[in-house]
N, C-alpha and C. Protein backbone atom coordinates (compact mmCIF):
# COMPACT_ATOMS: atom_id res chain seq x y z
N MET A 1 -25.96 -38.63 34.38
CA MET A 1 -25.85 -40.04 34.07
C MET A 1 -26.09 -40.89 35.32
N LYS A 2 -25.59 -40.43 36.46
CA LYS A 2 -25.78 -41.18 37.69
C LYS A 2 -27.25 -41.21 38.09
N ALA A 3 -27.95 -40.11 37.86
CA ALA A 3 -29.38 -40.06 38.18
C ALA A 3 -30.16 -41.06 37.34
N ASP A 4 -29.75 -41.23 36.08
CA ASP A 4 -30.41 -42.21 35.21
C ASP A 4 -30.27 -43.61 35.78
N LYS A 5 -29.06 -43.95 36.23
CA LYS A 5 -28.83 -45.27 36.80
C LYS A 5 -29.70 -45.50 38.03
N ILE A 6 -29.79 -44.49 38.86
CA ILE A 6 -30.59 -44.59 40.08
C ILE A 6 -32.06 -44.79 39.73
N LEU A 7 -32.55 -44.00 38.78
CA LEU A 7 -33.95 -44.12 38.38
C LEU A 7 -34.26 -45.47 37.76
N TYR A 8 -33.36 -45.96 36.90
CA TYR A 8 -33.56 -47.28 36.30
C TYR A 8 -33.53 -48.37 37.37
N SER A 9 -32.65 -48.22 38.33
CA SER A 9 -32.55 -49.20 39.41
C SER A 9 -33.85 -49.25 40.22
N ILE A 10 -34.36 -48.08 40.56
CA ILE A 10 -35.62 -48.02 41.31
C ILE A 10 -36.77 -48.58 40.48
N GLY A 11 -36.78 -48.24 39.19
CA GLY A 11 -37.83 -48.75 38.31
C GLY A 11 -37.81 -50.27 38.21
N ARG A 12 -36.60 -50.85 38.10
CA ARG A 12 -36.49 -52.31 38.03
C ARG A 12 -37.00 -52.96 39.31
N LYS A 13 -36.66 -52.38 40.46
CA LYS A 13 -37.12 -52.93 41.73
C LYS A 13 -38.64 -52.86 41.85
N ARG A 14 -39.22 -51.74 41.44
CA ARG A 14 -40.67 -51.57 41.51
C ARG A 14 -41.38 -52.55 40.56
N LEU A 15 -40.83 -52.72 39.36
CA LEU A 15 -41.43 -53.65 38.39
C LEU A 15 -41.36 -55.08 38.92
N ARG A 16 -40.23 -55.45 39.50
CA ARG A 16 -40.10 -56.80 40.06
C ARG A 16 -41.10 -57.01 41.18
N GLY A 17 -41.26 -56.00 42.04
CA GLY A 17 -42.23 -56.09 43.12
C GLY A 17 -43.66 -56.19 42.60
N PHE A 18 -43.96 -55.44 41.54
CA PHE A 18 -45.30 -55.48 40.95
C PHE A 18 -45.58 -56.85 40.34
N ARG A 19 -44.58 -57.41 39.68
CA ARG A 19 -44.75 -58.75 39.10
C ARG A 19 -44.99 -59.79 40.19
N SER A 20 -44.24 -59.69 41.28
CA SER A 20 -44.43 -60.62 42.40
C SER A 20 -45.83 -60.47 42.99
N PHE A 21 -46.26 -59.22 43.13
CA PHE A 21 -47.60 -58.95 43.64
C PHE A 21 -48.66 -59.58 42.75
N LEU A 22 -48.54 -59.37 41.43
CA LEU A 22 -49.52 -59.94 40.50
C LEU A 22 -49.54 -61.46 40.60
N SER A 23 -48.37 -62.04 40.66
CA SER A 23 -48.27 -63.50 40.73
C SER A 23 -48.90 -64.04 42.01
N ASN A 24 -48.58 -63.44 43.13
CA ASN A 24 -49.09 -63.91 44.42
C ASN A 24 -50.58 -63.64 44.60
N LYS A 25 -51.04 -62.51 44.10
CA LYS A 25 -52.44 -62.12 44.29
C LYS A 25 -53.39 -62.80 43.31
N PHE A 26 -52.97 -62.93 42.05
CA PHE A 26 -53.91 -63.38 41.02
C PHE A 26 -53.62 -64.76 40.45
N LEU A 27 -52.40 -65.26 40.59
CA LEU A 27 -52.06 -66.54 39.97
C LEU A 27 -51.92 -67.68 40.97
N LYS A 28 -51.96 -67.38 42.27
CA LYS A 28 -51.79 -68.43 43.27
C LYS A 28 -52.96 -68.44 44.23
N ASP A 29 -53.24 -69.63 44.78
CA ASP A 29 -54.26 -69.73 45.82
C ASP A 29 -53.60 -69.60 47.19
N GLU A 30 -54.35 -69.88 48.26
CA GLU A 30 -53.83 -69.72 49.62
C GLU A 30 -52.64 -70.62 49.91
N GLU A 31 -52.58 -71.76 49.22
CA GLU A 31 -51.50 -72.72 49.46
C GLU A 31 -50.28 -72.46 48.58
N GLY A 32 -50.36 -71.46 47.72
CA GLY A 32 -49.24 -71.15 46.84
C GLY A 32 -49.26 -71.92 45.54
N LYS A 33 -50.34 -72.63 45.27
CA LYS A 33 -50.46 -73.40 44.02
C LYS A 33 -51.00 -72.49 42.92
N PHE A 34 -50.50 -72.69 41.70
CA PHE A 34 -50.97 -71.88 40.58
C PHE A 34 -52.39 -72.26 40.20
N VAL A 35 -53.18 -71.27 39.89
CA VAL A 35 -54.57 -71.46 39.47
C VAL A 35 -54.79 -70.74 38.15
N GLU A 36 -55.85 -71.12 37.46
CA GLU A 36 -56.21 -70.41 36.23
C GLU A 36 -56.77 -69.06 36.62
N ALA A 37 -56.30 -68.01 35.98
CA ALA A 37 -56.74 -66.68 36.37
C ALA A 37 -56.97 -65.82 35.14
N GLU A 38 -57.97 -64.99 35.24
CA GLU A 38 -58.26 -64.00 34.20
C GLU A 38 -57.37 -62.79 34.44
N ARG A 39 -57.24 -61.99 33.41
CA ARG A 39 -56.48 -60.75 33.55
C ARG A 39 -57.22 -59.86 34.54
N PRO A 40 -56.52 -59.31 35.53
CA PRO A 40 -57.20 -58.46 36.52
C PRO A 40 -57.70 -57.17 35.88
N MET A 41 -58.98 -56.92 35.98
CA MET A 41 -59.58 -55.74 35.36
C MET A 41 -59.09 -54.44 36.00
N LYS A 42 -58.68 -54.52 37.23
CA LYS A 42 -58.19 -53.32 37.91
C LYS A 42 -56.97 -52.75 37.19
N TYR A 43 -56.18 -53.63 36.58
CA TYR A 43 -54.96 -53.20 35.89
C TYR A 43 -55.08 -53.31 34.38
N ALA A 44 -56.30 -53.37 33.87
CA ALA A 44 -56.52 -53.54 32.43
C ALA A 44 -55.96 -52.38 31.62
N GLU A 45 -55.89 -51.19 32.19
CA GLU A 45 -55.36 -50.03 31.47
C GLU A 45 -53.87 -50.15 31.21
N ILE A 46 -53.16 -50.83 32.08
CA ILE A 46 -51.70 -50.90 31.92
C ILE A 46 -51.20 -52.27 31.48
N ILE A 47 -52.06 -53.29 31.54
CA ILE A 47 -51.65 -54.64 31.14
C ILE A 47 -52.57 -55.11 30.01
N SER A 48 -52.01 -55.27 28.83
CA SER A 48 -52.81 -55.76 27.71
C SER A 48 -53.03 -57.27 27.85
N THR A 49 -53.93 -57.79 27.05
CA THR A 49 -54.21 -59.23 27.08
C THR A 49 -52.97 -60.03 26.70
N ASP A 50 -52.26 -59.57 25.67
CA ASP A 50 -51.04 -60.27 25.24
C ASP A 50 -49.97 -60.25 26.34
N GLU A 51 -49.79 -59.10 26.98
CA GLU A 51 -48.81 -59.00 28.07
C GLU A 51 -49.19 -59.94 29.21
N TRP A 52 -50.48 -60.01 29.54
CA TRP A 52 -50.92 -60.89 30.62
C TRP A 52 -50.67 -62.35 30.27
N ASP A 53 -50.99 -62.72 29.03
CA ASP A 53 -50.78 -64.10 28.60
C ASP A 53 -49.30 -64.48 28.64
N ASN A 54 -48.43 -63.55 28.21
CA ASN A 54 -46.98 -63.79 28.27
C ASN A 54 -46.51 -63.92 29.72
N PHE A 55 -47.03 -63.06 30.58
CA PHE A 55 -46.67 -63.09 31.99
C PHE A 55 -47.05 -64.43 32.63
N VAL A 56 -48.27 -64.87 32.36
CA VAL A 56 -48.75 -66.14 32.92
C VAL A 56 -47.91 -67.30 32.39
N ALA A 57 -47.59 -67.27 31.09
CA ALA A 57 -46.78 -68.34 30.50
C ALA A 57 -45.39 -68.40 31.14
N LYS A 58 -44.78 -67.23 31.37
CA LYS A 58 -43.46 -67.20 32.00
C LYS A 58 -43.52 -67.73 33.43
N ARG A 59 -44.57 -67.37 34.15
CA ARG A 59 -44.69 -67.81 35.54
C ARG A 59 -44.99 -69.31 35.65
N ARG A 60 -45.54 -69.89 34.63
CA ARG A 60 -45.83 -71.33 34.64
C ARG A 60 -44.70 -72.16 34.04
N ASN A 61 -43.70 -71.50 33.49
CA ASN A 61 -42.56 -72.17 32.87
C ASN A 61 -41.79 -72.97 33.92
N GLU A 62 -41.39 -74.18 33.56
CA GLU A 62 -40.66 -75.05 34.49
C GLU A 62 -39.31 -74.45 34.90
N LYS A 63 -38.63 -73.82 33.95
CA LYS A 63 -37.33 -73.21 34.26
C LYS A 63 -37.49 -72.09 35.30
N PHE A 64 -38.56 -71.31 35.18
CA PHE A 64 -38.83 -70.25 36.15
C PHE A 64 -38.97 -70.84 37.55
N HIS A 65 -39.67 -71.97 37.65
CA HIS A 65 -39.88 -72.61 38.95
C HIS A 65 -38.57 -73.18 39.51
N GLU A 66 -37.74 -73.72 38.65
CA GLU A 66 -36.44 -74.24 39.10
C GLU A 66 -35.58 -73.13 39.68
N VAL A 67 -35.48 -72.02 38.95
CA VAL A 67 -34.67 -70.89 39.42
C VAL A 67 -35.27 -70.32 40.71
N SER A 68 -36.58 -70.19 40.76
CA SER A 68 -37.25 -69.65 41.93
C SER A 68 -37.01 -70.52 43.16
N ASP A 69 -37.15 -71.83 43.00
CA ASP A 69 -36.92 -72.75 44.13
C ASP A 69 -35.47 -72.70 44.60
N LYS A 70 -34.54 -72.66 43.66
CA LYS A 70 -33.12 -72.60 44.01
C LYS A 70 -32.82 -71.32 44.79
N ASN A 71 -33.34 -70.20 44.34
CA ASN A 71 -33.09 -68.93 45.03
C ASN A 71 -33.79 -68.89 46.38
N ARG A 72 -34.98 -69.47 46.48
CA ARG A 72 -35.70 -69.50 47.75
C ARG A 72 -34.92 -70.30 48.79
N LYS A 73 -34.37 -71.45 48.38
CA LYS A 73 -33.58 -72.27 49.30
C LYS A 73 -32.31 -71.53 49.74
N ARG A 74 -31.66 -70.88 48.79
CA ARG A 74 -30.43 -70.16 49.11
C ARG A 74 -30.70 -69.01 50.06
N ALA A 75 -31.79 -68.29 49.85
CA ALA A 75 -32.11 -67.14 50.69
C ALA A 75 -32.56 -67.55 52.09
N SER A 76 -33.09 -68.75 52.23
CA SER A 76 -33.60 -69.17 53.53
C SER A 76 -32.50 -69.55 54.52
N LYS A 77 -31.29 -69.80 54.02
CA LYS A 77 -30.19 -70.21 54.89
C LYS A 77 -28.94 -69.39 54.61
N PRO A 78 -28.95 -68.10 54.98
CA PRO A 78 -27.76 -67.29 54.73
C PRO A 78 -26.60 -67.75 55.62
N ALA A 79 -25.39 -67.65 55.09
CA ALA A 79 -24.21 -68.07 55.85
C ALA A 79 -24.02 -67.19 57.09
N TYR A 80 -24.30 -65.91 56.95
CA TYR A 80 -24.14 -64.96 58.05
C TYR A 80 -25.42 -64.14 58.19
N PRO A 81 -26.38 -64.61 58.97
CA PRO A 81 -27.68 -63.93 59.04
C PRO A 81 -27.59 -62.57 59.72
N TYR A 82 -28.33 -61.61 59.18
CA TYR A 82 -28.45 -60.27 59.74
C TYR A 82 -29.40 -60.34 60.92
N LYS A 83 -29.02 -59.81 62.08
CA LYS A 83 -29.80 -59.99 63.30
C LYS A 83 -30.40 -58.71 63.88
N LYS A 84 -30.39 -57.63 63.14
CA LYS A 84 -30.86 -56.38 63.71
C LYS A 84 -32.24 -55.96 63.23
N GLY A 85 -32.98 -56.86 62.63
CA GLY A 85 -34.35 -56.58 62.23
C GLY A 85 -34.45 -55.41 61.26
N ARG A 86 -35.31 -54.46 61.58
CA ARG A 86 -35.54 -53.34 60.69
C ARG A 86 -34.62 -52.15 60.97
N THR A 87 -33.65 -52.32 61.84
CA THR A 87 -32.76 -51.22 62.21
C THR A 87 -32.03 -50.68 61.01
N GLY A 88 -31.45 -51.53 60.21
CA GLY A 88 -30.69 -51.09 59.05
C GLY A 88 -29.29 -50.67 59.45
N TYR A 89 -28.40 -50.66 58.48
CA TYR A 89 -27.01 -50.34 58.76
C TYR A 89 -26.82 -48.88 59.18
N ALA A 90 -27.55 -47.96 58.57
CA ALA A 90 -27.36 -46.54 58.89
C ALA A 90 -27.72 -46.25 60.34
N ARG A 91 -28.88 -46.74 60.79
CA ARG A 91 -29.27 -46.50 62.19
C ARG A 91 -28.40 -47.27 63.16
N LEU A 92 -27.96 -48.45 62.76
CA LEU A 92 -27.05 -49.23 63.60
C LEU A 92 -25.74 -48.46 63.79
N GLN A 93 -25.23 -47.90 62.72
CA GLN A 93 -24.00 -47.12 62.79
C GLN A 93 -24.19 -45.90 63.69
N GLN A 94 -25.31 -45.20 63.55
CA GLN A 94 -25.58 -44.03 64.40
C GLN A 94 -25.64 -44.43 65.87
N ARG A 95 -26.29 -45.56 66.16
CA ARG A 95 -26.41 -46.00 67.55
C ARG A 95 -25.05 -46.36 68.14
N ILE A 96 -24.23 -47.06 67.37
CA ILE A 96 -22.90 -47.44 67.86
C ILE A 96 -22.05 -46.20 68.12
N LEU A 97 -22.09 -45.24 67.19
CA LEU A 97 -21.31 -44.01 67.37
C LEU A 97 -21.80 -43.22 68.58
N ALA A 98 -23.11 -43.21 68.82
CA ALA A 98 -23.66 -42.50 69.98
C ALA A 98 -23.25 -43.18 71.28
N GLU A 99 -23.26 -44.52 71.29
CA GLU A 99 -22.87 -45.26 72.50
C GLU A 99 -21.40 -45.05 72.82
N GLU A 100 -20.57 -44.97 71.79
CA GLU A 100 -19.14 -44.77 72.00
C GLU A 100 -18.78 -43.31 72.21
N LYS A 101 -19.75 -42.42 72.01
CA LYS A 101 -19.52 -40.97 72.09
C LYS A 101 -18.32 -40.57 71.22
N SER A 102 -18.34 -41.08 70.02
CA SER A 102 -17.23 -40.87 69.09
C SER A 102 -17.48 -39.64 68.22
N ASP A 103 -16.39 -38.98 67.84
CA ASP A 103 -16.47 -37.85 66.92
C ASP A 103 -16.47 -38.32 65.46
N ALA A 104 -16.22 -39.59 65.25
CA ALA A 104 -16.16 -40.13 63.89
C ALA A 104 -17.54 -40.04 63.24
N THR A 105 -17.54 -39.93 61.93
CA THR A 105 -18.81 -39.86 61.20
C THR A 105 -19.23 -41.21 60.65
N SER A 106 -18.31 -42.16 60.61
CA SER A 106 -18.66 -43.49 60.12
C SER A 106 -17.75 -44.53 60.76
N LEU A 107 -18.17 -45.77 60.64
CA LEU A 107 -17.40 -46.90 61.17
C LEU A 107 -16.80 -47.68 60.02
N PRO A 108 -15.71 -48.40 60.27
CA PRO A 108 -15.20 -49.30 59.23
C PRO A 108 -16.26 -50.35 58.89
N GLU A 109 -16.30 -50.76 57.64
CA GLU A 109 -17.34 -51.68 57.19
C GLU A 109 -17.32 -53.01 57.93
N HIS A 110 -16.11 -53.51 58.25
CA HIS A 110 -16.05 -54.81 58.93
C HIS A 110 -16.62 -54.74 60.34
N VAL A 111 -16.47 -53.60 61.01
CA VAL A 111 -17.01 -53.43 62.36
C VAL A 111 -18.54 -53.41 62.29
N LEU A 112 -19.06 -52.67 61.34
CA LEU A 112 -20.51 -52.57 61.17
C LEU A 112 -21.11 -53.91 60.77
N TRP A 113 -20.44 -54.62 59.88
CA TRP A 113 -20.93 -55.93 59.42
C TRP A 113 -21.01 -56.91 60.59
N LYS A 114 -19.97 -56.92 61.42
CA LYS A 114 -19.95 -57.84 62.56
C LYS A 114 -21.00 -57.46 63.60
N ALA A 115 -21.18 -56.16 63.84
CA ALA A 115 -22.18 -55.70 64.81
C ALA A 115 -23.59 -56.07 64.36
N ALA A 116 -23.81 -56.14 63.07
CA ALA A 116 -25.14 -56.48 62.54
C ALA A 116 -25.48 -57.94 62.75
N ARG A 117 -24.52 -58.75 63.12
CA ARG A 117 -24.75 -60.18 63.29
C ARG A 117 -24.70 -60.62 64.74
N VAL A 118 -24.84 -59.68 65.65
CA VAL A 118 -24.89 -59.98 67.08
C VAL A 118 -26.35 -60.06 67.49
N GLY A 119 -26.72 -61.14 68.16
CA GLY A 119 -28.10 -61.34 68.58
C GLY A 119 -28.48 -60.45 69.75
N LYS A 120 -29.75 -60.51 70.16
CA LYS A 120 -30.24 -59.69 71.28
C LYS A 120 -29.55 -60.03 72.59
N ASP A 121 -29.10 -61.29 72.72
CA ASP A 121 -28.43 -61.70 73.94
C ASP A 121 -26.96 -61.28 73.97
N GLY A 122 -26.48 -60.66 72.90
CA GLY A 122 -25.10 -60.20 72.84
C GLY A 122 -24.14 -61.21 72.27
N ALA A 123 -24.63 -62.39 71.95
CA ALA A 123 -23.76 -63.44 71.40
C ALA A 123 -23.68 -63.30 69.88
N VAL A 124 -22.47 -63.47 69.38
CA VAL A 124 -22.27 -63.43 67.94
C VAL A 124 -22.81 -64.73 67.35
N VAL A 125 -23.62 -64.61 66.34
CA VAL A 125 -24.21 -65.77 65.69
C VAL A 125 -23.21 -66.37 64.73
N GLU A 126 -23.10 -67.71 64.76
CA GLU A 126 -22.16 -68.43 63.91
C GLU A 126 -20.73 -68.00 64.27
N ALA A 127 -19.80 -68.35 63.44
CA ALA A 127 -18.40 -67.97 63.64
C ALA A 127 -18.11 -66.75 62.77
N VAL A 128 -18.50 -65.59 63.26
CA VAL A 128 -18.32 -64.36 62.47
C VAL A 128 -16.95 -63.80 62.72
């Protein structure tokens, strides 16, 4: 049962990414404005004409744009920005444990969370 959840989760993420790719590649110009677009022939085997028309209609829907703009604004100004780039929490935890020469296998979540918000200069960003 747990494997099913994991597979569905991965599938949802991949589908969302594919939809974003289609929208950015075929429905928008260089400035991000929507343009009239034909169904991409490269994906004609997996996307029917009806599915493409529904997809385009959803992407042009005003409510979709409202939600998208709201989420874009929210994501652009996180309250506590992550400052470790592509390091990720797992590698950050390994590095901290190696620096401390600790026998522990993991760090408390609050320690890891705070360490992820320290800039390159060593200063904590915001009031963390």
